[in-house]
Amino acid sequence: MVKLSKGGSKLSNLIIRKLTATFFTTTFISMLFSIITVNTTAEIVYNKGEHFVGWFFIFFMYIGAIILIYGNLVSIGIEYIQRRYFQQNDLLYIVIVGLFGLANGVFFQERTLAIYGMLAAVLYGVIDKWLSRKKRRGVIVLLPIAFLLLIWGYFHLTSPPMPPFTKEDAVAFATSGEGTVIDEFPKKIGKWEENINGYLITKETTAKEIENEIYIVTFSESWKKGTEKGKWQLAYKVERGSLSGIGGKGSLPPDYNKN
C-alpha cells in the first residue's frame, strides 16, 4: 500500500508539473505572437488591448494543443531516457527537447516556425526542470497572468482614440448589406425622386441622434399617381458595430413596373 501511494504521488506530481509547464510556455509564447501581430498590422488598430486579448486566445488554443499533446509526450519520453542514462544532466534534457521543437517547422519547411518551435520547447524544458526542483509552484502560474494583464493594460492605454461615430457613419453601416428592402434607398443622408410609369416616387434616408453616437436611421418611400398615393418607412437603431430593427409603418408600395 505504501509503494502504491508513493507511485500515485509521483504520477500526480508529474502530471501537475507537465501541465504547469504547458500553461506557462503556452501563455508566454501566445503573448509574444499576439504582441507581434498587433504591432505589425498595417491598418490603424483601435482598442489594441481587446485585439491583443483576442489574438492571445486564438494562439493559446493552437499552441496549447500542440504542447499539451506533442510536447508532453516528447518530454515524458526524454525524461524517461534521462533517468536511465544521464540523470544529472538537465541541460542535455533541455537541448533534446528543444531539438524536438523544430519538428513543426521541418515538417512544413518553414524556418521561422522551426525557430519559434525550438524556443517554445527550450522554454518548456527550462520551466519543467525548474518545477522539478521547487516545491512552491504558484508563482510560475501567477507570473504569466500578471504579464498578460500588464500588456493588456499597456495596449489599452496607448491605443489611438476612436474617431467619432457620426450620422454619416451610421447610415453607411445601415446600408452596407445587400439583398434587403433598403438596397434602393440613398446610401447617404438625402433623397431622390424618380418617375416610373406615371408614379412620382420619392425615397429618402435620414438619421437622428437619440443618444451619444446612437442614431435612428429611417428609410422612407412615398409614391403618387393621380389620386393614388401612399407612404411607408422602415427604421433602425444604429450604434458603433451594432444594428437593430425597430419596425416600420405604412403600406408597401405597388409594383411600379407593372402599371
C-alpha atoms as a PDB file:
ATOM      1  CA  MET A   1       0.000   0.000   0.000  1.00  0.00           C
ATOM      2  CA  VAL A   2       2.855   2.388   0.762  1.00  0.00           C
ATOM      3  CA  LYS A   3       4.521   1.783  -2.585  1.00  0.00           C
ATOM      4  CA  LEU A   4       1.238   2.343  -4.405  1.00  0.00           C
ATOM      5  CA  SER A   5       0.743   5.599  -2.535  1.00  0.00           C
ATOM      6  CA  LYS A   6       4.227   6.811  -3.453  1.00  0.00           C
ATOM      7  CA  GLY A   7       3.745   5.810  -7.058  1.00  0.00           C
ATOM      8  CA  GLY A   8       0.445   7.615  -7.193  1.00  0.00           C
ATOM      9  CA  SER A   9       2.043  10.701  -5.639  1.00  0.00           C
ATOM     10  CA  LYS A  10       4.874  10.648  -8.180  1.00  0.00           C
ATOM     11  CA  LEU A  11       2.428  10.338 -11.070  1.00  0.00           C
ATOM     12  CA  SER A  12       0.302  13.161  -9.681  1.00  0.00           C
ATOM     13  CA  ASN A  13       3.358  15.408  -9.310  1.00  0.00           C
ATOM     14  CA  LEU A  14       4.470  14.547 -12.845  1.00  0.00           C
ATOM     15  CA  ILE A  15       1.068  15.471 -14.322  1.00  0.00           C
ATOM     16  CA  ILE A  16       0.866  18.723 -12.359  1.00  0.00           C
ATOM     17  CA  ARG A  17       4.432  19.660 -13.355  1.00  0.00           C
ATOM     18  CA  LYS A  18       3.852  18.979 -17.047  1.00  0.00           C
ATOM     19  CA  LEU A  19       0.532  20.854 -17.094  1.00  0.00           C
ATOM     20  CA  THR A  20       2.068  23.814 -15.276  1.00  0.00           C
ATOM     21  CA  ALA A  21       4.982  23.947 -17.737  1.00  0.00           C
ATOM     22  CA  THR A  22       2.461  23.685 -20.583  1.00  0.00           C
ATOM     23  CA  PHE A  23       0.418  26.604 -19.216  1.00  0.00           C
ATOM     24  CA  PHE A  24       3.470  28.801 -18.615  1.00  0.00           C
ATOM     25  CA  THR A  25       5.005  28.156 -22.025  1.00  0.00           C
ATOM     26  CA  THR A  26       1.732  28.449 -23.935  1.00  0.00           C
ATOM     27  CA  THR A  27       0.870  31.728 -22.221  1.00  0.00           C
ATOM     28  CA  PHE A  28       4.227  33.391 -22.881  1.00  0.00           C
ATOM     29  CA  ILE A  29       4.553  32.250 -26.487  1.00  0.00           C
ATOM     30  CA  SER A  30       0.931  33.260 -27.181  1.00  0.00           C
ATOM     31  CA  MET A  31       1.615  36.689 -25.697  1.00  0.00           C
ATOM     32  CA  LEU A  32       4.721  37.054 -27.867  1.00  0.00           C
ATOM     33  CA  PHE A  33       2.834  36.166 -31.039  1.00  0.00           C
ATOM     34  CA  SER A  34      -0.058  38.462 -30.076  1.00  0.00           C
ATOM     35  CA  ILE A  35       2.272  41.419 -29.464  1.00  0.00           C
ATOM     36  CA  ILE A  36       3.933  40.870 -32.850  1.00  0.00           C
ATOM     37  CA  THR A  37       0.552  40.580 -34.608  1.00  0.00           C
ATOM     38  CA  VAL A  38      -0.903  43.735 -33.042  1.00  0.00           C
ATOM     39  CA  ASN A  39       2.235  45.800 -33.696  1.00  0.00           C
ATOM     40  CA  THR A  40       2.761  44.685 -37.303  1.00  0.00           C
ATOM     41  CA  THR A  41      -0.807  45.220 -38.551  1.00  0.00           C
ATOM     42  CA  ALA A  42      -0.701  47.659 -41.446  1.00  0.00           C
ATOM     43  CA  GLU A  43      -4.043  49.290 -40.603  1.00  0.00           C
ATOM     44  CA  ILE A  44      -4.657  51.601 -37.658  1.00  0.00           C
ATOM     45  CA  VAL A  45      -5.755  49.436 -34.724  1.00  0.00           C
ATOM     46  CA  TYR A  46      -8.144  50.928 -32.193  1.00  0.00           C
ATOM     47  CA  ASN A  47      -8.793  49.165 -28.891  1.00  0.00           C
ATOM     48  CA  LYS A  48      -5.405  47.467 -29.039  1.00  0.00           C
ATOM     49  CA  GLY A  49      -5.979  45.845 -25.668  1.00  0.00           C
ATOM     50  CA  GLU A  50      -9.031  43.968 -26.944  1.00  0.00           C
ATOM     51  CA  HIS A  51      -7.224  42.998 -30.145  1.00  0.00           C
ATOM     52  CA  PHE A  52      -4.302  41.717 -28.102  1.00  0.00           C
ATOM     53  CA  VAL A  53      -6.567  39.571 -25.915  1.00  0.00           C
ATOM     54  CA  GLY A  54      -8.449  38.252 -28.951  1.00  0.00           C
ATOM     55  CA  TRP A  55      -5.275  37.154 -30.716  1.00  0.00           C
ATOM     56  CA  PHE A  56      -3.916  35.760 -27.446  1.00  0.00           C
ATOM     57  CA  PHE A  57      -6.817  33.331 -27.072  1.00  0.00           C
ATOM     58  CA  ILE A  58      -6.510  32.223 -30.710  1.00  0.00           C
ATOM     59  CA  PHE A  59      -2.784  31.497 -30.352  1.00  0.00           C
ATOM     60  CA  PHE A  60      -3.329  29.972 -26.907  1.00  0.00           C
ATOM     61  CA  MET A  61      -5.729  27.347 -28.284  1.00  0.00           C
ATOM     62  CA  TYR A  62      -3.467  26.248 -31.139  1.00  0.00           C
ATOM     63  CA  ILE A  63      -0.135  26.435 -29.320  1.00  0.00           C
ATOM     64  CA  GLY A  64      -1.615  24.900 -26.196  1.00  0.00           C
ATOM     65  CA  ALA A  65      -2.965  21.921 -28.115  1.00  0.00           C
ATOM     66  CA  ILE A  66       0.442  21.245 -29.707  1.00  0.00           C
ATOM     67  CA  ILE A  67       2.361  21.487 -26.434  1.00  0.00           C
ATOM     68  CA  LEU A  68      -0.253  19.589 -24.456  1.00  0.00           C
ATOM     69  CA  ILE A  69      -0.209  16.595 -26.788  1.00  0.00           C
ATOM     70  CA  TYR A  70       3.066  16.547 -28.720  1.00  0.00           C
ATOM     71  CA  GLY A  71       5.237  18.464 -26.288  1.00  0.00           C
ATOM     72  CA  ASN A  72       4.271  16.492 -23.207  1.00  0.00           C
ATOM     73  CA  LEU A  73       4.593  13.115 -24.911  1.00  0.00           C
ATOM     74  CA  VAL A  74       8.079  14.033 -26.114  1.00  0.00           C
ATOM     75  CA  SER A  75       9.166  15.434 -22.743  1.00  0.00           C
ATOM     76  CA  ILE A  76       7.918  12.368 -20.841  1.00  0.00           C
ATOM     77  CA  GLY A  77       9.811  10.098 -23.218  1.00  0.00           C
ATOM     78  CA  ILE A  78      13.017  12.116 -22.938  1.00  0.00           C
ATOM     79  CA  GLU A  79      12.655  12.302 -19.167  1.00  0.00           C
ATOM     80  CA  TYR A  80      12.390   8.528 -19.022  1.00  0.00           C
ATOM     81  CA  ILE A  81      15.616   8.235 -21.044  1.00  0.00           C
ATOM     82  CA  GLN A  82      17.296  10.860 -18.850  1.00  0.00           C
ATOM     83  CA  ARG A  83      16.559   8.899 -15.674  1.00  0.00           C
ATOM     84  CA  ARG A  84      18.252   5.859 -17.165  1.00  0.00           C
ATOM     85  CA  TYR A  85      21.291   7.356 -18.894  1.00  0.00           C
ATOM     86  CA  PHE A  86      22.014  10.969 -17.846  1.00  0.00           C
ATOM     87  CA  GLN A  87      20.021  11.624 -14.693  1.00  0.00           C
ATOM     88  CA  GLN A  88      22.050  14.617 -13.509  1.00  0.00           C
ATOM     89  CA  ASN A  89      22.300  16.377 -16.879  1.00  0.00           C
ATOM     90  CA  ASP A  90      19.263  18.639 -17.092  1.00  0.00           C
ATOM     91  CA  LEU A  91      20.930  20.786 -19.751  1.00  0.00           C
ATOM     92  CA  LEU A  92      21.069  17.843 -22.134  1.00  0.00           C
ATOM     93  CA  TYR A  93      17.378  17.204 -21.455  1.00  0.00           C
ATOM     94  CA  ILE A  94      16.558  20.825 -22.391  1.00  0.00           C
ATOM     95  CA  VAL A  95      18.692  20.653 -25.554  1.00  0.00           C
ATOM     96  CA  ILE A  96      16.989  17.447 -26.729  1.00  0.00           C
ATOM     97  CA  VAL A  97      13.517  18.849 -26.012  1.00  0.00           C
ATOM     98  CA  GLY A  98      14.495  21.984 -27.949  1.00  0.00           C
ATOM     99  CA  LEU A  99      15.566  19.904 -30.960  1.00  0.00           C
ATOM    100  CA  PHE A 100      12.214  18.143 -30.976  1.00  0.00           C
ATOM    101  CA  GLY A 101      10.614  21.599 -31.023  1.00  0.00           C
ATOM    102  CA  LEU A 102      11.981  22.033 -34.555  1.00  0.00           C
ATOM    103  CA  ALA A 103       9.626  19.313 -35.824  1.00  0.00           C
ATOM    104  CA  ASN A 104       6.716  21.515 -36.977  1.00  0.00           C
ATOM    105  CA  GLY A 105       9.000  23.857 -38.875  1.00  0.00           C
ATOM    106  CA  VAL A 106      10.853  20.976 -40.526  1.00  0.00           C
ATOM    107  CA  PHE A 107       7.588  19.250 -41.453  1.00  0.00           C
ATOM    108  CA  PHE A 108       6.119  22.398 -43.029  1.00  0.00           C
ATOM    109  CA  GLN A 109       9.542  23.511 -44.326  1.00  0.00           C
ATOM    110  CA  GLU A 110       9.164  26.876 -42.604  1.00  0.00           C
ATOM    111  CA  ARG A 111      12.291  28.242 -40.936  1.00  0.00           C
ATOM    112  CA  THR A 112      10.504  30.817 -38.765  1.00  0.00           C
ATOM    113  CA  LEU A 113       8.093  28.196 -37.466  1.00  0.00           C
ATOM    114  CA  ALA A 114      11.027  25.928 -36.633  1.00  0.00           C
ATOM    115  CA  ILE A 115      12.794  28.673 -34.672  1.00  0.00           C
ATOM    116  CA  TYR A 116       9.684  29.582 -32.690  1.00  0.00           C
ATOM    117  CA  GLY A 117       9.009  25.902 -32.055  1.00  0.00           C
ATOM    118  CA  MET A 118      12.514  25.396 -30.731  1.00  0.00           C
ATOM    119  CA  LEU A 119      12.289  28.476 -28.486  1.00  0.00           C
ATOM    120  CA  ALA A 120       8.959  27.268 -27.097  1.00  0.00           C
ATOM    121  CA  ALA A 121      10.412  23.805 -26.469  1.00  0.00           C
ATOM    122  CA  VAL A 122      13.501  25.205 -24.723  1.00  0.00           C
ATOM    123  CA  LEU A 123      11.317  27.430 -22.532  1.00  0.00           C
ATOM    124  CA  TYR A 124       9.152  24.420 -21.710  1.00  0.00           C
ATOM    125  CA  GLY A 125      12.247  22.376 -20.805  1.00  0.00           C
ATOM    126  CA  VAL A 126      13.660  25.106 -18.547  1.00  0.00           C
ATOM    127  CA  ILE A 127      10.373  25.588 -16.702  1.00  0.00           C
ATOM    128  CA  ASP A 128       9.818  21.842 -16.446  1.00  0.00           C
ATOM    129  CA  LYS A 129      13.199  21.283 -14.799  1.00  0.00           C
ATOM    130  CA  TRP A 130      12.811  24.348 -12.575  1.00  0.00           C
ATOM    131  CA  LEU A 131       9.488  22.966 -11.338  1.00  0.00           C
ATOM    132  CA  SER A 132      11.070  19.582 -10.631  1.00  0.00           C
ATOM    133  CA  ARG A 133      13.454  21.275  -8.184  1.00  0.00           C
ATOM    134  CA  LYS A 134      10.928  23.567  -6.454  1.00  0.00           C
ATOM    135  CA  LYS A 135       8.126  22.863  -4.026  1.00  0.00           C
ATOM    136  CA  ARG A 136       6.361  26.208  -4.376  1.00  0.00           C
ATOM    137  CA  ARG A 137       4.964  26.445  -7.866  1.00  0.00           C
ATOM    138  CA  GLY A 138       2.228  29.062  -7.505  1.00  0.00           C
ATOM    139  CA  VAL A 139       4.446  31.899  -8.709  1.00  0.00           C
ATOM    140  CA  ILE A 140       5.039  30.172 -12.048  1.00  0.00           C
ATOM    141  CA  VAL A 141       1.279  30.250 -12.686  1.00  0.00           C
ATOM    142  CA  LEU A 142       0.731  33.799 -11.460  1.00  0.00           C
ATOM    143  CA  LEU A 143       3.688  35.282 -13.357  1.00  0.00           C
ATOM    144  CA  PRO A 144       2.313  34.842 -16.913  1.00  0.00           C
ATOM    145  CA  ILE A 145      -1.129  36.010 -15.784  1.00  0.00           C
ATOM    146  CA  ALA A 146       0.437  39.158 -14.322  1.00  0.00           C
ATOM    147  CA  PHE A 147       2.346  39.787 -17.572  1.00  0.00           C
ATOM    148  CA  LEU A 148      -0.837  39.245 -19.574  1.00  0.00           C
ATOM    149  CA  LEU A 149      -2.688  41.884 -17.538  1.00  0.00           C
ATOM    150  CA  LEU A 150       0.215  44.346 -17.764  1.00  0.00           C
ATOM    151  CA  ILE A 151       0.495  44.014 -21.540  1.00  0.00           C
ATOM    152  CA  TRP A 152      -3.277  44.345 -21.958  1.00  0.00           C
ATOM    153  CA  GLY A 153      -3.198  47.486 -19.807  1.00  0.00           C
ATOM    154  CA  TYR A 154      -0.328  48.947 -21.822  1.00  0.00           C
ATOM    155  CA  PHE A 155      -2.115  48.393 -25.139  1.00  0.00           C
ATOM    156  CA  HIS A 156      -5.377  49.704 -23.700  1.00  0.00           C
ATOM    157  CA  LEU A 157      -3.746  52.933 -22.511  1.00  0.00           C
ATOM    158  CA  THR A 158      -1.662  53.519 -25.643  1.00  0.00           C
ATOM    159  CA  SER A 159      -4.355  52.797 -28.244  1.00  0.00           C
ATOM    160  CA  PRO A 160      -5.243  55.720 -30.540  1.00  0.00           C
ATOM    161  CA  PRO A 161      -8.649  57.202 -29.661  1.00  0.00           C
ATOM    162  CA  MET A 162     -11.608  56.029 -31.690  1.00  0.00           C
ATOM    163  CA  PRO A 163     -12.847  58.605 -34.222  1.00  0.00           C
ATOM    164  CA  PRO A 164     -16.359  59.949 -33.584  1.00  0.00           C
ATOM    165  CA  PHE A 165     -19.234  57.809 -34.891  1.00  0.00           C
ATOM    166  CA  THR A 166     -21.278  60.264 -36.973  1.00  0.00           C
ATOM    167  CA  LYS A 167     -24.687  60.250 -38.668  1.00  0.00           C
ATOM    168  CA  GLU A 168     -22.950  59.537 -41.939  1.00  0.00           C
ATOM    169  CA  ASP A 169     -21.175  56.557 -40.403  1.00  0.00           C
ATOM    170  CA  ALA A 170     -24.486  55.245 -39.070  1.00  0.00           C
ATOM    171  CA  VAL A 171     -26.101  55.454 -42.493  1.00  0.00           C
ATOM    172  CA  ALA A 172     -23.095  53.822 -44.162  1.00  0.00           C
ATOM    173  CA  PHE A 173     -23.246  50.961 -41.653  1.00  0.00           C
ATOM    174  CA  ALA A 174     -27.021  50.528 -42.078  1.00  0.00           C
ATOM    175  CA  THR A 175     -26.743  50.383 -45.875  1.00  0.00           C
ATOM    176  CA  SER A 176     -23.636  48.189 -46.027  1.00  0.00           C
ATOM    177  CA  GLY A 177     -25.578  44.952 -46.508  1.00  0.00           C
ATOM    178  CA  GLU A 178     -27.046  43.574 -49.722  1.00  0.00           C
ATOM    179  CA  GLY A 179     -30.247  41.778 -50.681  1.00  0.00           C
ATOM    180  CA  THR A 180     -32.580  43.766 -48.409  1.00  0.00           C
ATOM    181  CA  VAL A 181     -35.537  46.095 -48.963  1.00  0.00           C
ATOM    182  CA  ILE A 182     -33.311  49.145 -48.396  1.00  0.00           C
ATOM    183  CA  ASP A 183     -30.966  48.385 -51.284  1.00  0.00           C
ATOM    184  CA  GLU A 184     -32.621  51.006 -53.493  1.00  0.00           C
ATOM    185  CA  PHE A 185     -32.529  53.806 -50.945  1.00  0.00           C
ATOM    186  CA  PRO A 186     -29.856  56.529 -50.950  1.00  0.00           C
ATOM    187  CA  LYS A 187     -26.621  55.316 -49.354  1.00  0.00           C
ATOM    188  CA  LYS A 188     -26.136  58.770 -47.844  1.00  0.00           C
ATOM    189  CA  ILE A 189     -28.406  61.168 -45.991  1.00  0.00           C
ATOM    190  CA  GLY A 190     -30.704  62.722 -48.584  1.00  0.00           C
ATOM    191  CA  LYS A 191     -33.439  61.809 -51.057  1.00  0.00           C
ATOM    192  CA  TRP A 192     -34.037  61.241 -54.726  1.00  0.00           C
ATOM    193  CA  GLU A 193     -37.110  61.348 -56.931  1.00  0.00           C
ATOM    194  CA  GLU A 194     -37.946  59.296 -59.991  1.00  0.00           C
ATOM    195  CA  ASN A 195     -40.926  58.906 -62.288  1.00  0.00           C
ATOM    196  CA  ILE A 196     -41.792  55.310 -63.208  1.00  0.00           C
ATOM    197  CA  ASN A 197     -44.910  54.594 -65.292  1.00  0.00           C
ATOM    198  CA  GLY A 198     -46.632  57.735 -64.069  1.00  0.00           C
ATOM    199  CA  TYR A 199     -45.678  57.232 -60.387  1.00  0.00           C
ATOM    200  CA  LEU A 200     -43.757  60.032 -58.752  1.00  0.00           C
ATOM    201  CA  ILE A 201     -41.535  58.145 -56.326  1.00  0.00           C
ATOM    202  CA  THR A 202     -39.544  59.739 -53.546  1.00  0.00           C
ATOM    203  CA  LYS A 203     -37.058  57.765 -51.461  1.00  0.00           C
ATOM    204  CA  GLU A 204     -35.313  59.379 -48.500  1.00  0.00           C
ATOM    205  CA  THR A 205     -32.691  58.368 -45.985  1.00  0.00           C
ATOM    206  CA  THR A 206     -32.461  60.255 -42.680  1.00  0.00           C
ATOM    207  CA  ALA A 207     -30.546  59.887 -39.422  1.00  0.00           C
ATOM    208  CA  LYS A 208     -31.324  61.309 -35.983  1.00  0.00           C
ATOM    209  CA  GLU A 209     -29.102  61.113 -32.927  1.00  0.00           C
ATOM    210  CA  ILE A 210     -31.035  59.946 -29.840  1.00  0.00           C
ATOM    211  CA  GLU A 211     -28.067  59.406 -27.514  1.00  0.00           C
ATOM    212  CA  ASN A 212     -24.336  59.932 -27.743  1.00  0.00           C
ATOM    213  CA  GLU A 213     -23.291  58.179 -31.006  1.00  0.00           C
ATOM    214  CA  ILE A 214     -26.596  56.276 -31.152  1.00  0.00           C
ATOM    215  CA  TYR A 215     -28.870  57.023 -34.106  1.00  0.00           C
ATOM    216  CA  ILE A 216     -32.229  56.209 -35.587  1.00  0.00           C
ATOM    217  CA  VAL A 217     -31.736  55.713 -39.325  1.00  0.00           C
ATOM    218  CA  THR A 218     -35.007  55.866 -41.234  1.00  0.00           C
ATOM    219  CA  PHE A 219     -35.744  54.861 -44.830  1.00  0.00           C
ATOM    220  CA  SER A 220     -38.918  56.431 -46.193  1.00  0.00           C
ATOM    221  CA  GLU A 221     -40.637  55.910 -49.539  1.00  0.00           C
ATOM    222  CA  SER A 222     -43.658  57.789 -50.861  1.00  0.00           C
ATOM    223  CA  TRP A 223     -45.454  57.483 -54.187  1.00  0.00           C
ATOM    224  CA  LYS A 224     -48.133  59.390 -56.004  1.00  0.00           C
ATOM    225  CA  LYS A 225     -50.086  58.857 -59.211  1.00  0.00           C
ATOM    226  CA  GLY A 226     -53.175  60.973 -59.703  1.00  0.00           C
ATOM    227  CA  THR A 227     -55.325  60.461 -56.624  1.00  0.00           C
ATOM    228  CA  GLU A 228     -53.390  57.320 -55.662  1.00  0.00           C
ATOM    229  CA  LYS A 229     -50.697  57.904 -53.109  1.00  0.00           C
ATOM    230  CA  GLY A 230     -49.052  56.240 -50.168  1.00  0.00           C
ATOM    231  CA  LYS A 231     -46.035  56.122 -47.914  1.00  0.00           C
ATOM    232  CA  TRP A 232     -44.075  53.609 -45.875  1.00  0.00           C
ATOM    233  CA  GLN A 233     -40.907  53.657 -43.813  1.00  0.00           C
ATOM    234  CA  LEU A 234     -38.508  51.374 -42.031  1.00  0.00           C
ATOM    235  CA  ALA A 235     -36.271  52.405 -39.118  1.00  0.00           C
ATOM    236  CA  TYR A 236     -33.154  51.009 -37.477  1.00  0.00           C
ATOM    237  CA  LYS A 237     -31.309  51.775 -34.283  1.00  0.00           C
ATOM    238  CA  VAL A 238     -27.630  52.080 -35.125  1.00  0.00           C
ATOM    239  CA  GLU A 239     -24.569  52.412 -32.898  1.00  0.00           C
ATOM    240  CA  ARG A 240     -20.939  51.584 -33.470  1.00  0.00           C
ATOM    241  CA  GLY A 241     -20.814  47.971 -34.683  1.00  0.00           C
ATOM    242  CA  SER A 242     -24.490  47.297 -33.921  1.00  0.00           C
ATOM    243  CA  LEU A 243     -27.703  47.447 -35.957  1.00  0.00           C
ATOM    244  CA  SER A 244     -31.218  46.512 -34.807  1.00  0.00           C
ATOM    245  CA  GLY A 245     -34.582  46.995 -36.481  1.00  0.00           C
ATOM    246  CA  ILE A 246     -37.209  48.972 -34.578  1.00  0.00           C
ATOM    247  CA  GLY A 247     -40.075  48.395 -37.000  1.00  0.00           C
ATOM    248  CA  GLY A 248     -41.824  50.066 -39.872  1.00  0.00           C
ATOM    249  CA  LYS A 249     -45.165  51.560 -40.730  1.00  0.00           C
ATOM    250  CA  GLY A 250     -47.327  52.343 -43.732  1.00  0.00           C
ATOM    251  CA  SER A 251     -48.317  50.204 -46.691  1.00  0.00           C
ATOM    252  CA  LEU A 252     -45.841  48.697 -49.093  1.00  0.00           C
ATOM    253  CA  PRO A 253     -45.655  50.393 -52.484  1.00  0.00           C
ATOM    254  CA  PRO A 254     -47.185  48.894 -55.631  1.00  0.00           C
ATOM    255  CA  ASP A 255     -45.094  47.242 -58.313  1.00  0.00           C
ATOM    256  CA  TYR A 256     -44.392  50.357 -60.351  1.00  0.00           C
ATOM    257  CA  ASN A 257     -43.149  48.452 -63.387  1.00  0.00           C
ATOM    258  CA  LYS A 258     -46.435  46.570 -63.812  1.00  0.00           C
ATOM    259  CA  ASN A 259     -48.572  49.677 -64.064  1.00  0.00           C
END
